[in-house]
Amino acid sequence: MKLMVIGSGGREHALVWKLAQSPRARQIWCAPGNAGIALEDNPMGVPVACVPILADDLTQLLAFAVENEPDLVIVGPDNPLSLGIVDLFEAHKIRIWGPNQKAALFESSKVFSQAFMERHRVPTARAGTFDNPQLASVFAAELQGRCAVKADGLALGKGVLICHNPTEAEAAINEILIRQAFGAAGAKIVIQELLEGPEISLHALCDGKTAKLFPTAQDHKRALEGDQGLNTGGMGTYSPTPFLNEAELQKMGDQILDPWLQGCAQEGIDFKGILYPGVMLTAAGPKVLEFNARFGDPETQVYLMRLENDLIDLLEASVDGKLGQSELRWSPQAAVCVVMASGGYPNSYAKGQPITGLDQAAALPNVKVFHAGTTVKNGTLVTNGGRVLGVTALGATLAEAQATAYRAVDLIHFKGAHVRRDIAAKALVC
């Protein structure tokens, strides 16, 4: 098969890496890709080709696909999905994996997804939707300022401000609705009560009728150790978590996915792709914080290290509505991904810092270093983004995977590198 992957981050590197292991992968393109993706090849030794087309340049992506005729296009990031790339490609008879524009609303509009959950009794937090700062402030005051203030639209994973008192809530509302810190994405906001408990990432592969649940993972969104600092796209993750056994996971999946699937059927939403709910395990039961309509990053890195299926087979079953015939198989090993970020991320940061030590890290057993923000400049591998690398390791136990991941991290160097040293720590003290 000829495959085309869209995107340039650690998620897309993990997707390309896993797809390239399939004996069915004859040719893989990635648009635009990154320096690490360009080093991958298929079992026959054919290198992955990075194509210099941005992930949201739908016109050029379509032109490339029409000319090169991939058998399947795989969409990684949220933005092209929200722009309707699936609808566009399907209109040109190009086979593509990912939710269409209507289905992508679960991520591209928090207002839509919150209202959907309330309509269909998907367990979620108490919330209100606002475009008026004064009304928003009244609702936040009802919650004693303990709330999450969320921009409605896409904001690179950073459009959520966590508040613990009325002063912080007022500042968050002003930041999004008045100062317009997230631009058009913040024209409306959702304010949710602040829930307490462990937060986990669920993923489910969907084909419009069936949803196949992944094992649990836990992301670390805050920039600093101890879950302090600003929200980021994710500073690391691990799988599985110790907070649910298999029976509890299946029960929670039923509580969330059954009403969600029924709601999709009632509203004519044909969701084919990955549904990724962020879930808080509260004393009153699991509650969905928000939905994403694509693989998480860095969750993809740990999931695909553990996945034993041929990924092409699963994605085709998702597209073709045949997931009911598939059984997902997972390694019993644990996986940990530690993100190495540029100093200053998620605020301003320098680019172009030379990266060393990757070969030494890659030589460690059970380690894979996924590139996120890298490029080659004058023959030297350099940083090119906020999140630079996702250093990922497998282990017989979570503690072993964690130790191996940090051993690899310590071999890699670039100026200003920022790493959280507590990835998976919550699980190890349970």
Protein backbone atom coordinates (compact mmCIF):
# COMPACT_ATOMS: atom_id res chain seq x y z
CA MET A 1 0.00 0.00 0.00
CA LYS A 2 0.97 3.61 -0.53
CA LEU A 3 0.32 5.68 2.60
CA MET A 4 0.23 9.42 3.22
CA VAL A 5 0.44 10.77 6.79
CA ILE A 6 -0.42 14.39 7.50
CA GLY A 7 1.34 16.25 10.31
CA SER A 8 4.78 17.02 11.71
CA GLY A 9 4.87 16.24 15.43
CA GLY A 10 5.73 13.42 17.79
CA ARG A 11 2.31 11.87 17.21
CA GLU A 12 2.95 11.72 13.48
CA HIS A 13 6.44 10.29 13.97
CA ALA A 14 4.93 7.52 16.10
CA LEU A 15 2.25 6.85 13.48
CA VAL A 16 4.80 6.71 10.66
CA TRP A 17 7.12 4.48 12.73
CA LYS A 18 4.31 2.00 13.44
CA LEU A 19 2.91 2.05 9.90
CA ALA A 20 6.40 1.50 8.48
CA GLN A 21 6.67 -1.80 10.39
CA SER A 22 3.86 -3.29 8.31
CA PRO A 23 4.83 -5.52 5.40
CA ARG A 24 1.92 -3.86 3.59
CA ALA A 25 3.61 -0.43 3.66
CA ARG A 26 5.20 -0.11 0.21
CA GLN A 27 5.57 3.68 0.21
CA ILE A 28 4.99 6.30 2.92
CA TRP A 29 4.85 10.06 2.50
CA CYS A 30 4.51 12.48 5.42
CA ALA A 31 3.46 16.10 4.94
CA PRO A 32 5.32 18.02 6.17
CA GLY A 33 7.07 15.54 8.49
CA ASN A 34 10.19 16.30 10.53
CA ALA A 35 13.84 15.30 10.75
CA GLY A 36 13.13 12.11 12.67
CA ILE A 37 10.35 10.98 10.36
CA ALA A 38 12.74 11.35 7.42
CA LEU A 39 14.99 8.68 9.01
CA GLU A 40 12.31 5.97 9.03
CA ASP A 41 11.96 3.30 6.35
CA ASN A 42 9.72 0.31 5.62
CA PRO A 43 10.67 -3.40 5.92
CA MET A 44 12.04 -3.31 2.35
CA GLY A 45 14.34 -0.42 3.21
CA VAL A 46 12.35 2.22 1.30
CA PRO A 47 12.74 5.53 3.17
CA VAL A 48 9.78 7.66 4.25
CA ALA A 49 9.54 10.77 2.08
CA CYS A 50 8.80 14.08 3.81
CA VAL A 51 6.78 16.41 1.61
CA PRO A 52 7.09 20.19 2.30
CA ILE A 53 3.34 20.90 2.52
CA LEU A 54 1.87 22.26 5.76
CA ALA A 55 -0.82 20.19 7.47
CA ASP A 56 -3.47 22.91 7.04
CA ASP A 57 -2.71 23.61 3.35
CA LEU A 58 -5.64 21.54 2.13
CA THR A 59 -5.36 22.68 -1.48
CA GLN A 60 -1.75 21.54 -1.87
CA LEU A 61 -2.31 18.35 0.12
CA LEU A 62 -5.18 17.44 -2.19
CA ALA A 63 -3.11 18.19 -5.29
CA PHE A 64 -0.32 15.93 -4.02
CA ALA A 65 -2.76 13.13 -3.23
CA VAL A 66 -4.46 13.39 -6.63
CA GLU A 67 -1.08 13.16 -8.35
CA ASN A 68 0.42 10.36 -6.22
CA GLU A 69 -2.72 8.31 -5.49
CA PRO A 70 -2.10 7.04 -1.94
CA ASP A 71 -4.23 4.03 -0.97
CA LEU A 72 -4.88 5.55 2.45
CA VAL A 73 -4.35 9.01 3.94
CA ILE A 74 -3.94 9.23 7.74
CA VAL A 75 -4.61 12.59 9.42
CA GLY A 76 -2.67 13.28 12.62
CA PRO A 77 -3.44 16.81 13.95
CA ASP A 78 -6.73 18.48 14.82
CA ASN A 79 -6.58 21.55 12.58
CA PRO A 80 -6.94 19.88 9.15
CA LEU A 81 -9.78 17.77 10.56
CA SER A 82 -11.62 20.87 11.74
CA LEU A 83 -11.06 22.47 8.32
CA GLY A 84 -12.79 19.53 6.62
CA ILE A 85 -9.92 17.65 5.00
CA VAL A 86 -11.78 14.34 5.26
CA ASP A 87 -14.84 15.72 3.47
CA LEU A 88 -12.63 17.27 0.78
CA PHE A 89 -10.62 14.13 0.09
CA GLU A 90 -13.69 11.88 0.14
CA ALA A 91 -15.35 14.18 -2.41
CA HIS A 92 -12.36 13.42 -4.67
CA LYS A 93 -12.64 9.65 -4.01
CA ILE A 94 -9.43 9.57 -1.95
CA ARG A 95 -9.53 7.08 0.93
CA ILE A 96 -8.78 8.90 4.17
CA TRP A 97 -8.80 8.04 7.88
CA GLY A 98 -10.09 10.54 10.43
CA PRO A 99 -13.41 12.11 11.45
CA ASN A 100 -15.21 14.35 8.97
CA GLN A 101 -15.80 18.02 9.73
CA LYS A 102 -19.10 17.44 11.54
CA ALA A 103 -17.58 14.70 13.71
CA ALA A 104 -14.47 16.80 14.36
CA LEU A 105 -16.71 19.33 16.17
CA PHE A 106 -16.22 17.21 19.29
CA GLU A 107 -12.78 18.78 19.50
CA SER A 108 -13.02 21.95 17.47
CA SER A 109 -15.90 23.28 19.61
CA LYS A 110 -15.96 22.73 23.36
CA VAL A 111 -19.35 24.44 23.37
CA PHE A 112 -20.72 21.81 20.98
CA SER A 113 -19.21 18.87 22.86
CA GLN A 114 -20.37 20.10 26.27
CA ALA A 115 -23.93 20.54 24.98
CA PHE A 116 -23.78 17.10 23.30
CA MET A 117 -22.72 15.45 26.56
CA GLU A 118 -25.54 17.13 28.43
CA ARG A 119 -28.10 16.18 25.76
CA HIS A 120 -27.09 12.53 25.76
CA ARG A 121 -26.23 12.10 29.43
CA VAL A 122 -22.56 11.43 28.96
CA PRO A 123 -21.17 11.92 32.50
CA THR A 124 -19.48 15.32 32.65
CA ALA A 125 -18.85 18.29 34.90
CA ARG A 126 -21.36 21.01 35.75
CA ALA A 127 -20.71 23.71 33.18
CA GLY A 128 -21.92 26.87 31.48
CA THR A 129 -21.24 28.41 28.06
CA PHE A 130 -20.68 32.14 27.68
CA ASP A 131 -19.71 34.92 25.30
CA ASN A 132 -20.56 37.64 27.85
CA PRO A 133 -17.85 38.31 30.48
CA GLN A 134 -20.32 39.55 33.10
CA LEU A 135 -22.51 36.45 32.89
CA ALA A 136 -19.42 34.26 32.88
CA SER A 137 -18.23 35.94 36.07
CA VAL A 138 -21.56 35.31 37.79
CA PHE A 139 -21.37 31.58 36.99
CA ALA A 140 -17.73 31.37 38.08
CA ALA A 141 -18.69 33.03 41.37
CA GLU A 142 -21.34 30.34 41.90
CA LEU A 143 -18.46 27.84 41.74
CA GLN A 144 -16.44 29.92 44.26
CA GLY A 145 -13.95 30.46 41.47
CA ARG A 146 -12.94 26.78 41.46
CA CYS A 147 -13.31 26.11 37.76
CA ALA A 148 -11.68 25.44 34.41
CA VAL A 149 -12.14 28.24 31.88
CA LYS A 150 -11.85 26.88 28.34
CA ALA A 151 -11.67 28.58 24.97
CA ASP A 152 -14.30 27.12 22.65
CA GLY A 153 -12.03 26.49 19.66
CA LEU A 154 -8.65 24.95 18.96
CA ALA A 155 -5.74 26.50 20.86
CA LEU A 156 -2.83 24.05 20.49
CA GLY A 157 -3.74 22.30 23.74
CA LYS A 158 -3.22 25.49 25.75
CA GLY A 159 -6.73 27.02 25.80
CA VAL A 160 -7.63 25.81 29.29
CA LEU A 161 -7.00 27.95 32.37
CA ILE A 162 -7.35 26.25 35.77
CA CYS A 163 -8.66 28.50 38.56
CA HIS A 164 -8.81 27.94 42.32
CA ASN A 165 -10.40 31.18 43.53
CA PRO A 166 -12.57 34.07 42.26
CA THR A 167 -9.56 36.26 41.45
CA GLU A 168 -8.02 33.62 39.21
CA ALA A 169 -11.39 32.92 37.55
CA GLU A 170 -11.96 36.60 36.81
CA ALA A 171 -8.47 36.89 35.34
CA ALA A 172 -9.03 33.82 33.14
CA ILE A 173 -12.34 35.13 31.81
CA ASN A 174 -10.74 38.47 31.00
CA GLU A 175 -7.74 36.77 29.40
CA ILE A 176 -9.89 34.81 26.94
CA LEU A 177 -13.03 36.88 26.34
CA ILE A 178 -11.70 40.43 26.70
CA ARG A 179 -7.97 40.30 25.95
CA GLN A 180 -8.65 37.60 23.31
CA ALA A 181 -5.46 35.70 24.18
CA PHE A 182 -6.57 32.82 21.94
CA GLY A 183 -8.06 34.93 19.15
CA ALA A 184 -11.21 33.65 17.47
CA ALA A 185 -10.91 30.35 19.37
CA GLY A 186 -11.91 32.27 22.50
CA ALA A 187 -14.98 34.06 21.14
CA LYS A 188 -16.96 31.76 23.45
CA ILE A 189 -15.88 29.95 26.57
CA VAL A 190 -16.98 26.94 28.58
CA ILE A 191 -16.64 27.18 32.35
CA GLN A 192 -16.60 23.82 34.13
CA GLU A 193 -16.61 23.10 37.84
CA LEU A 194 -13.18 22.00 39.01
CA LEU A 195 -13.35 18.27 39.57
CA GLU A 196 -11.07 16.33 41.90
CA GLY A 197 -9.44 12.95 41.34
CA PRO A 198 -6.90 11.31 39.03
CA GLU A 199 -7.20 12.42 35.40
CA ILE A 200 -6.65 9.83 32.68
CA SER A 201 -6.63 9.80 28.90
CA LEU A 202 -8.97 7.35 27.21
CA HIS A 203 -8.72 6.49 23.54
CA ALA A 204 -11.20 4.55 21.44
CA LEU A 205 -10.89 3.59 17.78
CA CYS A 206 -14.25 4.10 16.08
CA ASP A 207 -15.84 3.09 12.77
CA GLY A 208 -19.18 4.90 13.02
CA LYS A 209 -20.90 2.00 14.80
CA THR A 210 -18.31 0.37 17.05
CA ALA A 211 -15.77 1.79 19.49
CA LYS A 212 -12.75 -0.26 20.56
CA LEU A 213 -11.29 0.97 23.85
CA PHE A 214 -7.53 1.36 24.34
CA PRO A 215 -5.79 0.77 27.69
CA THR A 216 -5.50 3.75 30.01
CA ALA A 217 -2.78 6.39 29.85
CA GLN A 218 -2.08 9.47 31.92
CA ASP A 219 -0.78 12.70 30.42
CA HIS A 220 1.12 15.44 32.27
CA LYS A 221 -0.17 18.75 30.91
CA ARG A 222 1.48 21.30 33.21
CA ALA A 223 4.92 22.58 32.31
CA LEU A 224 6.49 22.07 35.74
CA GLU A 225 6.89 19.19 38.16
CA GLY A 226 4.14 18.59 40.67
CA ASP A 227 1.59 19.72 38.05
CA GLN A 228 2.58 23.35 38.43
CA GLY A 229 2.99 26.03 35.78
CA LEU A 230 1.18 26.66 32.51
CA ASN A 231 -0.78 24.15 30.47
CA THR A 232 1.16 22.65 27.58
CA GLY A 233 0.48 20.23 24.76
CA GLY A 234 1.79 17.52 27.10
CA MET A 235 5.11 17.01 28.89
CA GLY A 236 4.99 13.23 29.09
CA THR A 237 2.74 10.24 29.58
CA TYR A 238 2.67 6.59 30.55
CA SER A 239 0.50 3.52 30.01
CA PRO A 240 -1.13 1.66 31.64
CA THR A 241 -2.26 3.54 34.75
CA PRO A 242 -2.86 1.78 38.10
CA PHE A 243 -6.09 3.61 38.81
CA LEU A 244 -8.44 1.14 37.07
CA ASN A 245 -8.41 -2.61 36.62
CA GLU A 246 -9.65 -4.16 33.38
CA ALA A 247 -13.24 -4.61 34.62
CA GLU A 248 -13.39 -1.01 35.88
CA LEU A 249 -11.99 0.26 32.58
CA GLN A 250 -14.63 -1.61 30.59
CA LYS A 251 -17.39 -0.34 32.89
CA MET A 252 -16.19 3.24 32.48
CA GLY A 253 -15.94 2.75 28.72
CA ASP A 254 -19.56 1.61 28.65
CA GLN A 255 -20.68 4.58 30.77
CA ILE A 256 -19.05 7.03 28.37
CA LEU A 257 -19.00 5.39 24.95
CA ASP A 258 -22.48 3.82 24.93
CA PRO A 259 -24.42 7.11 25.33
CA TRP A 260 -21.88 8.84 23.06
CA LEU A 261 -22.42 6.30 20.25
CA GLN A 262 -26.20 6.51 20.70
CA GLY A 263 -26.03 10.30 20.56
CA CYS A 264 -23.96 10.18 17.38
CA ALA A 265 -26.51 7.88 15.76
CA GLN A 266 -29.40 10.16 16.76
CA GLU A 267 -27.66 13.28 15.44
CA GLY A 268 -26.34 11.76 12.21
CA ILE A 269 -22.67 11.99 13.20
CA ASP A 270 -20.59 9.34 11.42
CA PHE A 271 -17.44 9.27 13.55
CA LYS A 272 -14.59 7.28 12.00
CA GLY A 273 -11.28 7.84 13.70
CA ILE A 274 -10.00 8.17 17.28
CA LEU A 275 -12.16 9.57 20.05
CA TYR A 276 -9.96 10.75 22.90
CA PRO A 277 -11.87 11.79 26.04
CA GLY A 278 -10.02 13.30 28.96
CA VAL A 279 -11.65 11.76 32.04
CA MET A 280 -11.54 12.68 35.73
CA LEU A 281 -12.04 9.77 38.13
CA THR A 282 -14.11 11.55 40.79
CA ALA A 283 -15.63 10.13 43.97
CA ALA A 284 -19.00 10.31 42.17
CA GLY A 285 -17.71 8.30 39.20
CA PRO A 286 -15.90 9.10 35.94
CA LYS A 287 -16.66 12.43 34.29
CA VAL A 288 -15.56 13.58 30.83
CA LEU A 289 -13.68 16.87 30.88
CA GLU A 290 -13.52 17.25 27.10
CA PHE A 291 -13.32 15.31 23.86
CA ASN A 292 -10.54 15.23 21.30
CA ALA A 293 -11.07 13.85 17.81
CA ARG A 294 -7.55 12.54 17.11
CA PHE A 295 -4.74 10.65 18.78
CA GLY A 296 -3.26 12.39 21.80
CA ASP A 297 0.31 13.58 21.77
CA PRO A 298 2.31 12.18 23.60
CA GLU A 299 -0.20 9.37 24.31
CA THR A 300 0.28 8.04 20.76
CA GLN A 301 3.93 7.36 21.51
CA VAL A 302 3.24 5.02 24.45
CA TYR A 303 0.20 3.39 22.84
CA LEU A 304 1.97 2.50 19.61
CA MET A 305 4.98 1.15 21.51
CA ARG A 306 2.54 -1.28 23.19
CA LEU A 307 0.23 -2.05 20.25
CA GLU A 308 0.82 -5.49 18.73
CA ASN A 309 -1.62 -5.23 15.80
CA ASP A 310 -0.67 -4.10 12.31
CA LEU A 311 -1.83 -0.46 12.45
CA ILE A 312 -2.78 -0.43 8.77
CA ASP A 313 -5.28 -3.25 9.38
CA LEU A 314 -6.93 -1.34 12.23
CA LEU A 315 -7.15 1.97 10.36
CA GLU A 316 -8.68 0.24 7.34
CA ALA A 317 -11.25 -1.47 9.57
CA SER A 318 -12.11 1.95 11.01
CA VAL A 319 -12.59 3.47 7.55
CA ASP A 320 -14.55 0.47 6.24
CA GLY A 321 -16.90 0.09 9.22
CA LYS A 322 -15.47 -3.35 10.10
CA LEU A 323 -13.97 -2.76 13.52
CA GLY A 324 -16.36 -5.27 15.04
CA GLN A 325 -14.25 -7.98 13.36
CA SER A 326 -10.99 -6.73 14.92
CA GLU A 327 -9.44 -7.49 18.29
CA LEU A 328 -6.89 -5.05 19.65
CA ARG A 329 -3.78 -6.73 21.08
CA TRP A 330 -1.50 -5.00 23.59
CA SER A 331 1.90 -5.81 25.04
CA PRO A 332 1.77 -6.45 28.80
CA GLN A 333 4.80 -4.18 29.13
CA ALA A 334 4.49 -0.62 30.42
CA ALA A 335 5.56 2.42 28.39
CA VAL A 336 6.74 5.86 29.49
CA CYS A 337 7.27 8.91 27.27
CA VAL A 338 9.25 11.90 28.58
CA VAL A 339 9.05 15.09 26.52
CA MET A 340 12.19 17.16 26.11
CA ALA A 341 11.06 20.73 25.48
CA SER A 342 12.76 24.00 24.58
CA GLY A 343 13.53 26.31 27.49
CA GLY A 344 10.67 28.79 27.94
CA TYR A 345 7.98 26.52 26.46
CA PRO A 346 4.97 27.00 26.38
CA ASN A 347 5.85 30.69 26.18
CA SER A 348 8.57 32.04 23.89
CA TYR A 349 11.60 29.85 23.22
CA ALA A 350 14.65 29.73 20.98
CA LYS A 351 14.94 27.52 17.89
CA GLY A 352 17.99 26.21 16.09
CA GLN A 353 19.77 24.65 19.09
CA PRO A 354 22.00 21.70 18.05
CA ILE A 355 20.91 18.32 19.46
CA THR A 356 23.46 15.67 20.48
CA GLY A 357 23.34 12.19 22.01
CA LEU A 358 20.46 10.76 19.98
CA ASP A 359 22.47 7.79 18.70
CA GLN A 360 23.53 6.86 22.24
CA ALA A 361 19.96 7.09 23.51
CA ALA A 362 18.60 5.06 20.60
CA ALA A 363 21.17 2.34 21.31
CA LEU A 364 19.56 1.58 24.69
CA PRO A 365 17.29 -1.49 24.63
CA ASN A 366 13.54 -0.81 24.46
CA VAL A 367 13.98 2.90 23.69
CA LYS A 368 12.56 4.89 20.80
CA VAL A 369 13.11 8.64 20.49
CA PHE A 370 10.26 10.28 18.61
CA HIS A 371 10.93 13.68 17.04
CA ALA A 372 8.40 16.50 17.44
CA GLY A 373 10.08 19.86 16.84
CA THR A 374 13.30 19.09 14.93
CA THR A 375 14.84 20.01 11.61
CA VAL A 376 18.20 19.82 9.86
CA LYS A 377 20.12 23.07 9.36
CA ASN A 378 23.45 23.08 7.52
CA GLY A 379 23.73 19.34 8.06
CA THR A 380 23.10 19.57 11.83
CA LEU A 381 20.01 18.34 13.67
CA VAL A 382 18.54 21.29 15.59
CA THR A 383 15.47 22.20 17.63
CA ASN A 384 12.52 23.62 15.73
CA GLY A 385 9.62 23.77 18.18
CA GLY A 386 8.43 23.92 21.77
CA ARG A 387 8.23 20.19 22.31
CA VAL A 388 11.36 18.81 20.68
CA LEU A 389 11.57 15.06 21.44
CA GLY A 390 9.44 12.34 23.02
CA VAL A 391 11.86 9.89 24.64
CA THR A 392 9.88 6.67 25.00
CA ALA A 393 10.75 3.38 26.68
CA LEU A 394 9.18 0.00 27.37
CA GLY A 395 9.73 -1.99 30.55
CA ALA A 396 8.48 -5.11 32.28
CA THR A 397 7.22 -2.76 35.01
CA LEU A 398 6.31 0.91 35.02
CA ALA A 399 9.30 1.66 37.25
CA GLU A 400 11.62 -0.06 34.78
CA ALA A 401 10.13 1.84 31.82
CA GLN A 402 10.46 5.12 33.71
CA ALA A 403 14.09 4.48 34.66
CA THR A 404 14.98 3.53 31.08
CA ALA A 405 13.27 6.61 29.64
CA TYR A 406 15.18 8.96 31.96
CA ARG A 407 18.43 7.10 31.29
CA ALA A 408 17.90 7.90 27.61
CA VAL A 409 16.92 11.51 28.36
CA ASP A 410 20.17 12.03 30.23
CA LEU A 411 22.17 11.08 27.12
CA ILE A 412 20.52 13.75 24.95
CA HIS A 413 21.56 17.39 25.09
CA PHE A 414 20.55 20.73 23.61
CA LYS A 415 20.84 24.21 25.07
CA GLY A 416 17.97 25.09 27.41
CA ALA A 417 16.38 21.63 27.36
CA HIS A 418 13.47 21.41 29.80
CA VAL A 419 12.25 18.08 31.18
CA ARG A 420 9.77 17.15 33.90
CA ARG A 421 11.38 14.59 36.22
CA ASP A 422 8.13 13.24 37.64
CA ILE A 423 6.50 11.52 34.65
CA ALA A 424 4.63 8.44 35.98
CA ALA A 425 5.52 9.33 39.58
CA LYS A 426 1.84 9.38 40.64
CA ALA A 427 1.44 5.79 39.54
CA LEU A 428 4.51 4.61 41.42
CA VAL A 429 3.28 5.91 44.79
CA CYS A 430 -0.16 4.27 44.52
